[in-house]
Amino acid sequence: MYLTRFRVNTGRSDARQLLGSPHRVHGAVNASFPTPPSRDGSGPRVLWRVDRNGTSETLLYIVSPTRPDLTHLVEQAGWPSSDEPGWTTFAYADFLTALHAGDTWGFRLTANPVHNIRHEYLKEGEPTKRAAHRTPRHQMRWLLERQERAGFEIVQKPEDRRLLPVGDEYELVVRDQMPLQFRRPQAQAQTQAKVRRNGDVQITKVTFDGRLRITDPGLFRRTLTHGLGKAKAYGCGLMTLAPVRGEEGTE
């Protein structure tokens, strides 16, 4: 497994056009591998996420079973004239192996929090409709409902540090809600059940920042390498970790 970080040159129009469509980024990431890994769910998949750190820095993160070659992305959205390669790739397997139950980490996750709803006019047994969670409270609950099966728990705040009696129980911040709508090529759209009939894809991205504690290292490694939630092809599901100052479990 590998973790790659690529710095995007947002001063270039090609880079801005690329970032404007998750479908384009998905294609550019897949083009980084001679043979894209299988997506049948039997093994780790390619995950990616774009972090916009204010106006000064935009980073593309990729987790993948094989090492990517991002030369084409440097030409399109990086600094081709620079002496630096434009991206950094880290061996990820040793880090994953070193994760243990009880370790505490800071984390960032961009996800697509959704739930299934049934309209009143639908009869029992008819398909439900997938809808995005719209409020931070429901988005937070979406993540909390999945933490046990994903091998971690969100750290709870001591009562004396809570700003509100309800809604501030966890070391968790929900930010950067981003509704997105973009068009896929019609030939592909016809084969995708989650794509609307007019060929448009609609997703809502949300970024979670917080602190977690590992409860099941095996499940947690799967979360880091398989992703969490829906819309993984469009920049959702990738969780990254950062050391917590003064805590065990740092790199």
C-alpha atoms as a PDB file:
ATOM      1  CA  MET A   1       0.000   0.000   0.000  1.00  0.00           C
ATOM      2  CA  TYR A   2       1.103   3.553  -0.738  1.00  0.00           C
ATOM      3  CA  LEU A   3       0.056   7.041   0.374  1.00  0.00           C
ATOM      4  CA  THR A   4       0.777   9.808  -2.141  1.00  0.00           C
ATOM      5  CA  ARG A   5       0.555  13.580  -1.746  1.00  0.00           C
ATOM      6  CA  PHE A   6       0.424  15.840  -4.805  1.00  0.00           C
ATOM      7  CA  ARG A   7       0.452  19.633  -4.651  1.00  0.00           C
ATOM      8  CA  VAL A   8      -1.934  21.231  -7.141  1.00  0.00           C
ATOM      9  CA  ASN A   9      -0.965  24.466  -8.859  1.00  0.00           C
ATOM     10  CA  THR A  10      -4.302  26.288  -8.674  1.00  0.00           C
ATOM     11  CA  GLY A  11      -2.820  29.239 -10.560  1.00  0.00           C
ATOM     12  CA  ARG A  12      -3.173  27.219 -13.766  1.00  0.00           C
ATOM     13  CA  SER A  13      -6.480  27.174 -15.615  1.00  0.00           C
ATOM     14  CA  ASP A  14      -6.078  23.462 -16.447  1.00  0.00           C
ATOM     15  CA  ALA A  15      -5.756  22.710 -12.730  1.00  0.00           C
ATOM     16  CA  ARG A  16      -8.878  24.691 -11.876  1.00  0.00           C
ATOM     17  CA  GLN A  17     -10.802  22.933 -14.646  1.00  0.00           C
ATOM     18  CA  LEU A  18      -9.634  19.561 -13.321  1.00  0.00           C
ATOM     19  CA  LEU A  19     -10.707  20.360  -9.759  1.00  0.00           C
ATOM     20  CA  GLY A  20     -14.091  21.520 -10.999  1.00  0.00           C
ATOM     21  CA  SER A  21     -15.176  17.965 -11.823  1.00  0.00           C
ATOM     22  CA  PRO A  22     -14.709  14.938  -9.547  1.00  0.00           C
ATOM     23  CA  HIS A  23     -15.172  12.798 -12.662  1.00  0.00           C
ATOM     24  CA  ARG A  24     -12.090  14.399 -14.265  1.00  0.00           C
ATOM     25  CA  VAL A  25     -10.009  13.919 -11.108  1.00  0.00           C
ATOM     26  CA  HIS A  26     -11.172  10.295 -10.934  1.00  0.00           C
ATOM     27  CA  GLY A  27      -9.980   9.754 -14.494  1.00  0.00           C
ATOM     28  CA  ALA A  28      -6.651  11.473 -13.848  1.00  0.00           C
ATOM     29  CA  VAL A  29      -6.035   9.375 -10.737  1.00  0.00           C
ATOM     30  CA  ASN A  30      -6.873   6.131 -12.566  1.00  0.00           C
ATOM     31  CA  ALA A  31      -4.480   7.126 -15.357  1.00  0.00           C
ATOM     32  CA  SER A  32      -1.669   7.054 -12.783  1.00  0.00           C
ATOM     33  CA  PHE A  33      -1.691   3.246 -12.772  1.00  0.00           C
ATOM     34  CA  PRO A  34      -0.819   1.003 -15.765  1.00  0.00           C
ATOM     35  CA  THR A  35      -3.401  -1.508 -14.564  1.00  0.00           C
ATOM     36  CA  PRO A  36      -6.105  -0.042 -12.274  1.00  0.00           C
ATOM     37  CA  PRO A  37      -6.741  -2.283  -9.248  1.00  0.00           C
ATOM     38  CA  SER A  38      -9.868  -4.425  -9.220  1.00  0.00           C
ATOM     39  CA  ARG A  39     -13.032  -2.823  -7.836  1.00  0.00           C
ATOM     40  CA  ASP A  40     -14.832  -6.064  -7.040  1.00  0.00           C
ATOM     41  CA  GLY A  41     -14.407  -5.465  -3.304  1.00  0.00           C
ATOM     42  CA  SER A  42     -11.948  -8.324  -2.830  1.00  0.00           C
ATOM     43  CA  GLY A  43      -8.995  -6.088  -2.013  1.00  0.00           C
ATOM     44  CA  PRO A  44      -7.876  -2.511  -1.341  1.00  0.00           C
ATOM     45  CA  ARG A  45      -8.961   0.058  -3.888  1.00  0.00           C
ATOM     46  CA  VAL A  46      -7.653   3.396  -5.067  1.00  0.00           C
ATOM     47  CA  LEU A  47      -8.960   6.217  -2.869  1.00  0.00           C
ATOM     48  CA  TRP A  48      -8.392   9.930  -3.327  1.00  0.00           C
ATOM     49  CA  ARG A  49      -9.260  13.226  -1.686  1.00  0.00           C
ATOM     50  CA  VAL A  50      -8.628  16.918  -2.387  1.00  0.00           C
ATOM     51  CA  ASP A  51      -7.792  19.127   0.603  1.00  0.00           C
ATOM     52  CA  ARG A  52      -8.051  22.880   0.170  1.00  0.00           C
ATOM     53  CA  ASN A  53      -6.061  24.416   3.017  1.00  0.00           C
ATOM     54  CA  GLY A  54      -7.251  27.976   2.763  1.00  0.00           C
ATOM     55  CA  THR A  55      -6.164  29.875  -0.352  1.00  0.00           C
ATOM     56  CA  SER A  56      -2.489  28.974  -0.110  1.00  0.00           C
ATOM     57  CA  GLU A  57      -2.395  25.227  -0.704  1.00  0.00           C
ATOM     58  CA  THR A  58      -4.425  22.542  -2.444  1.00  0.00           C
ATOM     59  CA  LEU A  59      -3.320  18.925  -2.011  1.00  0.00           C
ATOM     60  CA  LEU A  60      -4.424  15.717  -3.696  1.00  0.00           C
ATOM     61  CA  TYR A  61      -4.056  12.599  -1.530  1.00  0.00           C
ATOM     62  CA  ILE A  62      -4.122   9.095  -3.018  1.00  0.00           C
ATOM     63  CA  VAL A  63      -4.090   5.749  -1.205  1.00  0.00           C
ATOM     64  CA  SER A  64      -3.402   2.831  -3.531  1.00  0.00           C
ATOM     65  CA  PRO A  65      -2.221  -0.794  -3.586  1.00  0.00           C
ATOM     66  CA  THR A  66       0.512   0.066  -6.136  1.00  0.00           C
ATOM     67  CA  ARG A  67       2.788   3.088  -6.562  1.00  0.00           C
ATOM     68  CA  PRO A  68       1.310   5.769  -8.877  1.00  0.00           C
ATOM     69  CA  ASP A  69       3.098   7.773 -11.554  1.00  0.00           C
ATOM     70  CA  LEU A  70       1.725  11.318 -11.571  1.00  0.00           C
ATOM     71  CA  THR A  71       3.888  12.721 -14.368  1.00  0.00           C
ATOM     72  CA  HIS A  72       0.791  13.507 -16.443  1.00  0.00           C
ATOM     73  CA  LEU A  73      -0.734  15.414 -13.496  1.00  0.00           C
ATOM     74  CA  VAL A  74       2.425  17.503 -13.126  1.00  0.00           C
ATOM     75  CA  GLU A  75       2.083  18.466 -16.788  1.00  0.00           C
ATOM     76  CA  GLN A  76      -1.591  19.315 -16.392  1.00  0.00           C
ATOM     77  CA  ALA A  77      -1.908  20.730 -12.885  1.00  0.00           C
ATOM     78  CA  GLY A  78       1.520  21.029 -11.295  1.00  0.00           C
ATOM     79  CA  TRP A  79       4.834  22.830 -11.905  1.00  0.00           C
ATOM     80  CA  PRO A  80       6.404  21.105 -14.955  1.00  0.00           C
ATOM     81  CA  SER A  81       9.466  23.382 -14.975  1.00  0.00           C
ATOM     82  CA  SER A  82      10.361  22.643 -11.349  1.00  0.00           C
ATOM     83  CA  ASP A  83      13.319  20.420 -10.443  1.00  0.00           C
ATOM     84  CA  GLU A  84      11.111  18.678  -7.867  1.00  0.00           C
ATOM     85  CA  PRO A  85       9.084  15.631  -8.992  1.00  0.00           C
ATOM     86  CA  GLY A  86       5.811  17.263  -7.916  1.00  0.00           C
ATOM     87  CA  TRP A  87       4.564  14.510  -5.613  1.00  0.00           C
ATOM     88  CA  THR A  88       5.693  12.403  -2.672  1.00  0.00           C
ATOM     89  CA  THR A  89       4.821   8.748  -2.171  1.00  0.00           C
ATOM     90  CA  PHE A  90       5.180   6.992   1.174  1.00  0.00           C
ATOM     91  CA  ALA A  91       5.196   3.249   1.860  1.00  0.00           C
ATOM     92  CA  TYR A  92       1.970   2.710   3.797  1.00  0.00           C
ATOM     93  CA  ALA A  93       2.038  -0.991   4.703  1.00  0.00           C
ATOM     94  CA  ASP A  94       4.470  -0.703   7.630  1.00  0.00           C
ATOM     95  CA  PHE A  95       2.470   2.171   9.070  1.00  0.00           C
ATOM     96  CA  LEU A  96      -0.761   0.181   8.839  1.00  0.00           C
ATOM     97  CA  THR A  97       0.851  -2.833  10.516  1.00  0.00           C
ATOM     98  CA  ALA A  98       2.004  -0.670  13.422  1.00  0.00           C
ATOM     99  CA  LEU A  99      -1.529   0.445  14.335  1.00  0.00           C
ATOM    100  CA  HIS A 100      -2.765  -1.016  17.636  1.00  0.00           C
ATOM    101  CA  ALA A 101      -5.952  -1.038  19.661  1.00  0.00           C
ATOM    102  CA  GLY A 102      -6.082   1.928  22.026  1.00  0.00           C
ATOM    103  CA  ASP A 103      -3.931   4.193  19.822  1.00  0.00           C
ATOM    104  CA  THR A 104      -5.326   7.722  19.514  1.00  0.00           C
ATOM    105  CA  TRP A 105      -4.998   9.747  16.335  1.00  0.00           C
ATOM    106  CA  GLY A 106      -6.196  12.959  14.804  1.00  0.00           C
ATOM    107  CA  PHE A 107      -8.062  12.261  11.583  1.00  0.00           C
ATOM    108  CA  ARG A 108      -9.591  13.835   8.522  1.00  0.00           C
ATOM    109  CA  LEU A 109     -12.291  12.178   6.438  1.00  0.00           C
ATOM    110  CA  THR A 110     -14.161  13.507   3.442  1.00  0.00           C
ATOM    111  CA  ALA A 111     -17.314  11.463   2.997  1.00  0.00           C
ATOM    112  CA  ASN A 112     -20.742  11.356   1.367  1.00  0.00           C
ATOM    113  CA  PRO A 113     -23.204  10.934   4.277  1.00  0.00           C
ATOM    114  CA  VAL A 114     -26.400   9.499   2.823  1.00  0.00           C
ATOM    115  CA  HIS A 115     -29.449   7.571   3.956  1.00  0.00           C
ATOM    116  CA  ASN A 116     -32.295   5.747   2.266  1.00  0.00           C
ATOM    117  CA  ILE A 117     -35.748   7.306   2.323  1.00  0.00           C
ATOM    118  CA  ARG A 118     -39.132   6.058   1.194  1.00  0.00           C
ATOM    119  CA  HIS A 119     -41.649   8.477  -0.254  1.00  0.00           C
ATOM    120  CA  GLU A 120     -45.231   8.185   0.936  1.00  0.00           C
ATOM    121  CA  TYR A 121     -46.448   7.250  -2.544  1.00  0.00           C
ATOM    122  CA  LEU A 122     -44.112   4.227  -2.772  1.00  0.00           C
ATOM    123  CA  LYS A 123     -45.587   0.854  -1.950  1.00  0.00           C
ATOM    124  CA  GLU A 124     -43.984  -1.556   0.499  1.00  0.00           C
ATOM    125  CA  GLY A 125     -41.184  -3.436  -1.214  1.00  0.00           C
ATOM    126  CA  GLU A 126     -40.494  -0.780  -3.846  1.00  0.00           C
ATOM    127  CA  PRO A 127     -36.949   0.641  -4.020  1.00  0.00           C
ATOM    128  CA  THR A 128     -36.047   3.442  -1.627  1.00  0.00           C
ATOM    129  CA  LYS A 129     -34.273   6.616  -2.702  1.00  0.00           C
ATOM    130  CA  ARG A 130     -30.808   7.623  -1.548  1.00  0.00           C
ATOM    131  CA  ALA A 131     -30.658  11.137  -0.093  1.00  0.00           C
ATOM    132  CA  ALA A 132     -27.903  13.228   1.463  1.00  0.00           C
ATOM    133  CA  HIS A 133     -27.863  14.210   5.125  1.00  0.00           C
ATOM    134  CA  ARG A 134     -28.070  18.015   5.109  1.00  0.00           C
ATOM    135  CA  THR A 135     -27.386  19.145   8.683  1.00  0.00           C
ATOM    136  CA  PRO A 136     -24.148  18.798  10.698  1.00  0.00           C
ATOM    137  CA  ARG A 137     -26.072  16.975  13.451  1.00  0.00           C
ATOM    138  CA  HIS A 138     -27.293  14.266  11.064  1.00  0.00           C
ATOM    139  CA  GLN A 139     -23.931  14.105   9.283  1.00  0.00           C
ATOM    140  CA  MET A 140     -22.179  13.586  12.605  1.00  0.00           C
ATOM    141  CA  ARG A 141     -24.663  10.889  13.562  1.00  0.00           C
ATOM    142  CA  TRP A 142     -23.972   9.156  10.223  1.00  0.00           C
ATOM    143  CA  LEU A 143     -20.302   8.815  11.168  1.00  0.00           C
ATOM    144  CA  LEU A 144     -20.996   7.801  14.769  1.00  0.00           C
ATOM    145  CA  GLU A 145     -23.289   5.021  13.544  1.00  0.00           C
ATOM    146  CA  ARG A 146     -20.433   3.566  11.486  1.00  0.00           C
ATOM    147  CA  GLN A 147     -17.522   3.896  13.880  1.00  0.00           C
ATOM    148  CA  GLU A 148     -17.847   0.490  15.562  1.00  0.00           C
ATOM    149  CA  ARG A 149     -17.988  -1.439  12.280  1.00  0.00           C
ATOM    150  CA  ALA A 150     -15.057   0.631  11.000  1.00  0.00           C
ATOM    151  CA  GLY A 151     -12.788  -0.308  13.925  1.00  0.00           C
ATOM    152  CA  PHE A 152     -12.614   2.998  15.809  1.00  0.00           C
ATOM    153  CA  GLU A 153     -14.475   5.263  18.209  1.00  0.00           C
ATOM    154  CA  ILE A 154     -14.612   9.051  18.207  1.00  0.00           C
ATOM    155  CA  VAL A 155     -13.043  10.428  21.386  1.00  0.00           C
ATOM    156  CA  GLN A 156     -15.578  11.981  23.737  1.00  0.00           C
ATOM    157  CA  LYS A 157     -14.957  15.391  25.287  1.00  0.00           C
ATOM    158  CA  PRO A 158     -14.757  15.772  29.064  1.00  0.00           C
ATOM    159  CA  GLU A 159     -17.898  17.462  30.335  1.00  0.00           C
ATOM    160  CA  ASP A 160     -16.024  20.568  31.473  1.00  0.00           C
ATOM    161  CA  ARG A 161     -14.837  21.200  27.894  1.00  0.00           C
ATOM    162  CA  ARG A 162     -18.236  20.968  26.243  1.00  0.00           C
ATOM    163  CA  LEU A 163     -19.615  24.255  24.995  1.00  0.00           C
ATOM    164  CA  LEU A 164     -23.155  22.894  24.709  1.00  0.00           C
ATOM    165  CA  PRO A 165     -25.018  20.306  26.802  1.00  0.00           C
ATOM    166  CA  VAL A 166     -26.154  18.529  23.613  1.00  0.00           C
ATOM    167  CA  GLY A 167     -24.279  18.380  20.317  1.00  0.00           C
ATOM    168  CA  ASP A 168     -20.733  18.924  21.584  1.00  0.00           C
ATOM    169  CA  GLU A 169     -20.027  15.546  23.185  1.00  0.00           C
ATOM    170  CA  TYR A 170     -17.278  14.446  20.768  1.00  0.00           C
ATOM    171  CA  GLU A 171     -13.901  15.597  19.491  1.00  0.00           C
ATOM    172  CA  LEU A 172     -15.427  16.066  16.067  1.00  0.00           C
ATOM    173  CA  VAL A 173     -15.962  18.994  13.715  1.00  0.00           C
ATOM    174  CA  VAL A 174     -18.105  18.856  10.569  1.00  0.00           C
ATOM    175  CA  ARG A 175     -17.180  21.399   7.913  1.00  0.00           C
ATOM    176  CA  ASP A 176     -16.971  22.199   4.215  1.00  0.00           C
ATOM    177  CA  GLN A 177     -20.318  20.808   3.121  1.00  0.00           C
ATOM    178  CA  MET A 178     -20.151  20.866  -0.669  1.00  0.00           C
ATOM    179  CA  PRO A 179     -23.123  19.856  -2.853  1.00  0.00           C
ATOM    180  CA  LEU A 180     -21.802  18.822  -6.274  1.00  0.00           C
ATOM    181  CA  GLN A 181     -23.508  18.126  -9.565  1.00  0.00           C
ATOM    182  CA  PHE A 182     -21.550  17.111 -12.653  1.00  0.00           C
ATOM    183  CA  ARG A 183     -22.105  15.192 -15.851  1.00  0.00           C
ATOM    184  CA  ARG A 184     -20.635  11.834 -16.767  1.00  0.00           C
ATOM    185  CA  PRO A 185     -20.181  10.696 -20.380  1.00  0.00           C
ATOM    186  CA  GLN A 186     -23.525   9.321 -21.527  1.00  0.00           C
ATOM    187  CA  ALA A 187     -22.152   5.866 -22.364  1.00  0.00           C
ATOM    188  CA  GLN A 188     -20.985   5.424 -18.787  1.00  0.00           C
ATOM    189  CA  ALA A 189     -24.017   7.094 -17.277  1.00  0.00           C
ATOM    190  CA  GLN A 190     -26.302   4.477 -18.779  1.00  0.00           C
ATOM    191  CA  THR A 191     -24.578   1.749 -16.752  1.00  0.00           C
ATOM    192  CA  GLN A 192     -24.619   3.559 -13.403  1.00  0.00           C
ATOM    193  CA  ALA A 193     -27.740   3.158 -11.268  1.00  0.00           C
ATOM    194  CA  LYS A 194     -26.855   6.104  -9.045  1.00  0.00           C
ATOM    195  CA  VAL A 195     -26.650   8.508 -12.001  1.00  0.00           C
ATOM    196  CA  ARG A 196     -29.773  10.464 -12.834  1.00  0.00           C
ATOM    197  CA  ARG A 197     -31.496   9.848 -16.164  1.00  0.00           C
ATOM    198  CA  ASN A 198     -30.133  13.063 -17.598  1.00  0.00           C
ATOM    199  CA  GLY A 199     -26.563  11.844 -16.997  1.00  0.00           C
ATOM    200  CA  ASP A 200     -25.863  14.084 -13.997  1.00  0.00           C
ATOM    201  CA  VAL A 201     -24.283  12.841 -10.764  1.00  0.00           C
ATOM    202  CA  GLN A 202     -25.341  14.546  -7.538  1.00  0.00           C
ATOM    203  CA  ILE A 203     -23.378  14.041  -4.322  1.00  0.00           C
ATOM    204  CA  THR A 204     -22.756  16.019  -1.145  1.00  0.00           C
ATOM    205  CA  LYS A 205     -19.230  16.022   0.237  1.00  0.00           C
ATOM    206  CA  VAL A 206     -18.577  16.724   3.912  1.00  0.00           C
ATOM    207  CA  THR A 207     -15.248  16.881   5.725  1.00  0.00           C
ATOM    208  CA  PHE A 208     -14.887  15.553   9.269  1.00  0.00           C
ATOM    209  CA  ASP A 209     -11.932  16.571  11.467  1.00  0.00           C
ATOM    210  CA  GLY A 210     -11.500  15.036  14.902  1.00  0.00           C
ATOM    211  CA  ARG A 211      -9.803  12.551  17.180  1.00  0.00           C
ATOM    212  CA  LEU A 212     -10.381   8.814  17.246  1.00  0.00           C
ATOM    213  CA  ARG A 213      -9.278   5.765  19.199  1.00  0.00           C
ATOM    214  CA  ILE A 214      -8.623   2.460  17.443  1.00  0.00           C
ATOM    215  CA  THR A 215     -10.817  -0.347  18.776  1.00  0.00           C
ATOM    216  CA  ASP A 216     -10.231  -3.095  16.185  1.00  0.00           C
ATOM    217  CA  PRO A 217      -6.951  -2.765  14.217  1.00  0.00           C
ATOM    218  CA  GLY A 218      -8.041  -5.222  11.511  1.00  0.00           C
ATOM    219  CA  LEU A 219     -11.303  -3.443  10.787  1.00  0.00           C
ATOM    220  CA  PHE A 220      -9.585  -0.075  10.991  1.00  0.00           C
ATOM    221  CA  ARG A 221      -6.910  -1.050   8.454  1.00  0.00           C
ATOM    222  CA  ARG A 222      -9.709  -2.091   6.120  1.00  0.00           C
ATOM    223  CA  THR A 223     -11.356   1.316   6.598  1.00  0.00           C
ATOM    224  CA  LEU A 224      -8.106   3.078   5.684  1.00  0.00           C
ATOM    225  CA  THR A 225      -7.546   0.960   2.555  1.00  0.00           C
ATOM    226  CA  HIS A 226     -11.119   0.338   1.338  1.00  0.00           C
ATOM    227  CA  GLY A 227     -12.707   3.668   2.295  1.00  0.00           C
ATOM    228  CA  LEU A 228     -15.799   4.619   4.265  1.00  0.00           C
ATOM    229  CA  GLY A 229     -19.206   5.339   2.766  1.00  0.00           C
ATOM    230  CA  LYS A 230     -20.397   5.940  -0.787  1.00  0.00           C
ATOM    231  CA  ALA A 231     -19.034   7.884  -3.797  1.00  0.00           C
ATOM    232  CA  LYS A 232     -15.445   6.681  -3.371  1.00  0.00           C
ATOM    233  CA  ALA A 233     -14.744   7.189  -7.073  1.00  0.00           C
ATOM    234  CA  TYR A 234     -15.551  10.880  -6.622  1.00  0.00           C
ATOM    235  CA  GLY A 235     -13.168  11.795  -3.808  1.00  0.00           C
ATOM    236  CA  CYS A 236     -15.077  10.459  -0.794  1.00  0.00           C
ATOM    237  CA  GLY A 237     -14.179   7.788   1.754  1.00  0.00           C
ATOM    238  CA  LEU A 238     -10.465   8.437   2.299  1.00  0.00           C
ATOM    239  CA  MET A 239      -9.453   8.858   5.941  1.00  0.00           C
ATOM    240  CA  THR A 240      -5.972  10.104   6.821  1.00  0.00           C
ATOM    241  CA  LEU A 241      -4.340  10.216  10.254  1.00  0.00           C
ATOM    242  CA  ALA A 242      -2.131  12.708  12.056  1.00  0.00           C
ATOM    243  CA  PRO A 243      -0.256  12.317  15.352  1.00  0.00           C
ATOM    244  CA  VAL A 244      -1.936  13.740  18.436  1.00  0.00           C
ATOM    245  CA  ARG A 245       0.473  15.726  20.535  1.00  0.00           C
ATOM    246  CA  GLY A 246       1.271  13.982  23.794  1.00  0.00           C
ATOM    247  CA  GLU A 247      -0.493  10.733  22.784  1.00  0.00           C
ATOM    248  CA  GLU A 248       0.762   7.239  22.088  1.00  0.00           C
ATOM    249  CA  GLY A 249       0.423   5.795  18.600  1.00  0.00           C
ATOM    250  CA  THR A 250       2.339   8.405  16.608  1.00  0.00           C
ATOM    251  CA  GLU A 251       4.480   7.587  13.621  1.00  0.00           C
END
